[in-house]
Protein backbone atom coordinates (compact mmCIF):
# COMPACT_ATOMS: atom_id res chain seq x y z
CA MET A 1 157.21 77.93 83.30
CA LYS A 2 160.92 78.14 84.43
CA GLU A 3 161.67 81.09 81.73
CA LEU A 4 158.73 83.12 83.45
CA VAL A 5 160.01 82.65 86.97
CA THR A 6 163.49 83.42 85.95
CA ALA A 7 162.20 86.64 83.87
CA ALA A 8 160.24 87.69 87.10
CA ILE A 9 163.22 87.44 89.26
CA ALA A 10 165.43 89.42 86.99
CA LEU A 11 162.55 92.28 86.67
CA LEU A 12 162.75 92.28 90.77
CA VAL A 13 166.51 92.63 90.77
CA LEU A 14 166.62 95.25 88.16
CA VAL A 15 163.56 97.22 89.82
CA CYS A 16 165.60 97.07 93.19
CA ALA A 17 169.07 97.84 91.67
CA ILE A 18 167.52 101.42 90.07
CA GLY A 19 165.95 101.99 93.58
CA LEU A 20 162.38 102.26 92.80
CA ILE A 21 162.03 99.69 95.67
CA GLY A 22 164.41 98.22 98.14
CA CYS A 23 164.82 94.39 98.61
CA GLY A 24 165.23 93.27 102.42
CA GLU A 25 167.37 90.57 103.49
CA ASP A 26 164.75 88.12 103.11
CA GLY A 27 164.35 89.30 99.46
CA VAL A 28 161.03 90.72 99.97
CA ALA A 29 160.48 94.09 97.98
CA THR A 30 160.31 97.05 100.33
CA PRO A 31 159.32 100.71 99.50
CA ALA A 32 162.16 103.17 98.57
CA PRO A 33 163.46 104.92 101.88
CA ASP A 34 162.95 108.26 100.58
CA LEU A 35 159.14 107.66 100.00
CA GLU A 36 156.55 108.63 102.53
CA ALA A 37 153.21 107.01 103.13
CA GLU A 38 150.24 109.15 101.98
CA LEU A 39 147.22 108.38 104.16
CA SER A 40 143.55 109.52 103.79
CA LEU A 41 140.39 108.54 105.64
CA GLU A 42 136.97 108.03 103.98
CA ILE A 43 133.62 108.01 105.81
CA THR A 44 131.17 105.82 104.28
CA ASN A 45 127.95 103.95 104.63
CA ILE A 46 126.44 106.62 106.83
CA ARG A 47 123.16 105.51 108.62
CA LEU A 48 121.00 108.06 110.61
CA SER A 49 118.70 107.50 113.48
CA GLU A 50 116.93 109.38 116.21
CA LYS A 51 116.78 107.86 119.87
CA GLU A 52 115.92 109.75 123.00
CA GLY A 53 116.47 113.15 121.75
CA ALA A 54 119.83 112.31 120.17
CA THR A 55 120.82 112.09 116.63
CA TYR A 56 123.04 108.89 115.99
CA TYR A 57 125.39 108.42 112.95
CA ASN A 58 126.48 104.83 112.29
CA TYR A 59 129.40 104.87 109.84
CA ASP A 60 132.22 103.04 108.38
CA ILE A 61 135.77 104.62 108.51
CA THR A 62 138.25 103.35 105.87
CA TYR A 63 142.21 104.22 105.84
CA VAL A 64 143.77 104.41 102.30
CA GLU A 65 147.39 104.43 101.58
CA SER A 66 148.23 105.70 98.22
CA ASN A 67 151.94 105.98 97.91
CA GLY A 68 153.13 102.58 98.19
CA VAL A 69 154.56 102.83 101.71
CA GLY A 70 152.81 100.78 104.49
CA VAL A 71 151.56 102.14 107.65
CA THR A 72 150.99 101.28 111.15
CA ILE A 73 148.38 103.35 113.24
CA THR A 74 149.34 103.37 116.87
CA SER A 75 146.66 105.91 118.54
CA GLY A 76 143.62 107.54 117.50
CA LYS A 77 141.59 110.54 119.11
CA ALA A 78 137.83 111.58 118.49
CA CYS A 79 136.88 115.09 119.73
CA VAL A 80 133.34 116.53 119.94
CA GLN A 81 133.21 120.20 119.22
CA SER A 82 130.30 120.83 121.46
CA THR A 83 131.39 119.47 124.68
CA GLY A 84 135.36 119.64 123.86
CA HIS A 85 135.57 116.20 125.19
CA CYS A 86 138.07 114.03 123.27
CA ASN A 87 138.37 110.17 123.51
CA GLU A 88 141.89 108.67 122.92
CA GLU A 89 142.86 105.19 122.23
CA SER A 90 146.02 103.04 121.54
CA MET A 91 145.81 100.81 118.75
CA GLU A 92 147.63 98.78 115.95
CA ARG A 93 145.94 99.04 112.68
CA ARG A 94 148.06 98.10 109.70
CA ILE A 95 147.42 99.40 106.14
CA ASP A 96 149.46 97.70 103.46
CA PRO A 97 151.13 99.71 100.78
CA LYS A 98 148.44 100.89 98.35
CA GLY A 99 145.94 99.18 100.40
CA LYS A 100 142.85 100.20 102.47
CA LEU A 101 141.45 99.18 105.81
CA THR A 102 137.86 99.57 106.76
CA ILE A 103 136.55 99.79 110.24
CA PRO A 104 132.50 99.31 110.23
CA ASP A 105 129.90 100.24 112.48
CA LYS A 106 131.49 103.33 114.23
CA VAL A 107 129.06 105.68 116.08
CA PHE A 108 128.90 109.34 116.75
CA TYR A 109 125.98 110.84 118.40
CA THR A 110 124.82 114.20 119.57
CA SER A 111 121.96 116.05 121.32
CA PHE A 112 122.91 119.23 119.87
CA SER A 113 121.28 121.04 116.79
CA THR A 114 124.77 121.17 115.26
CA ASP A 115 128.01 119.57 116.22
CA GLU A 116 131.28 118.16 114.92
CA LEU A 117 133.43 115.12 115.50
CA THR A 118 136.93 115.46 114.63
CA LEU A 119 139.06 112.21 114.10
CA THR A 120 142.77 112.11 114.19
CA TYR A 121 145.00 109.17 113.92
CA VAL A 122 148.71 108.95 114.01
CA GLY A 123 151.36 106.24 113.51
CA GLU A 124 154.61 105.68 111.39
CA ASP A 125 155.08 104.43 107.91
CA ASP A 126 157.34 101.39 106.91
CA ASN A 127 160.22 103.84 106.47
CA GLY A 128 160.06 105.20 109.81
CA ASN A 129 158.39 108.46 109.03
CA PRO A 130 155.68 109.94 111.39
CA VAL A 131 152.08 109.67 109.84
CA SER A 132 149.08 111.77 110.85
CA VAL A 133 145.72 111.96 109.13
CA GLN A 134 142.56 114.04 110.21
CA THR A 135 138.94 114.30 109.25
CA SER A 136 135.74 115.78 110.41
CA PHE A 137 132.13 114.68 110.58
CA SER A 138 129.48 117.36 110.92
CA HIS A 139 125.87 117.41 112.16
CA PRO A 140 123.62 117.95 110.64
CA ARG A 141 124.89 116.27 107.79
CA ASN A 142 124.78 118.17 104.46
């Protein structure tokens, strides 16, 4: 067992030395400073209902980081095309390197026959780079 631990430490030191990842002062591996996070959004688990002349979409949204650099989302904005109204909110959502974060039971509703919701999130990756990701959700849903 001791040999396995020694080999793992040696491998980590080698990986840090060749720059694939960095090593912080606390010995924890950190992403190479020239990497930037790659963030995408997935809308899943869509449930549709009609109530009082409006169409409601309940859905889950998942943030996905795919380049090995963690991200902290600091704000989000949801804009409805038909009214031009936008809701903005401050937040702190952490997506680990190569990780996913799912926020369940979000709601979009409209009384228009066609409409679109645009979601925009901004933040910063672990290397200090700005991150922005956007997706749209249309009604009627095709």
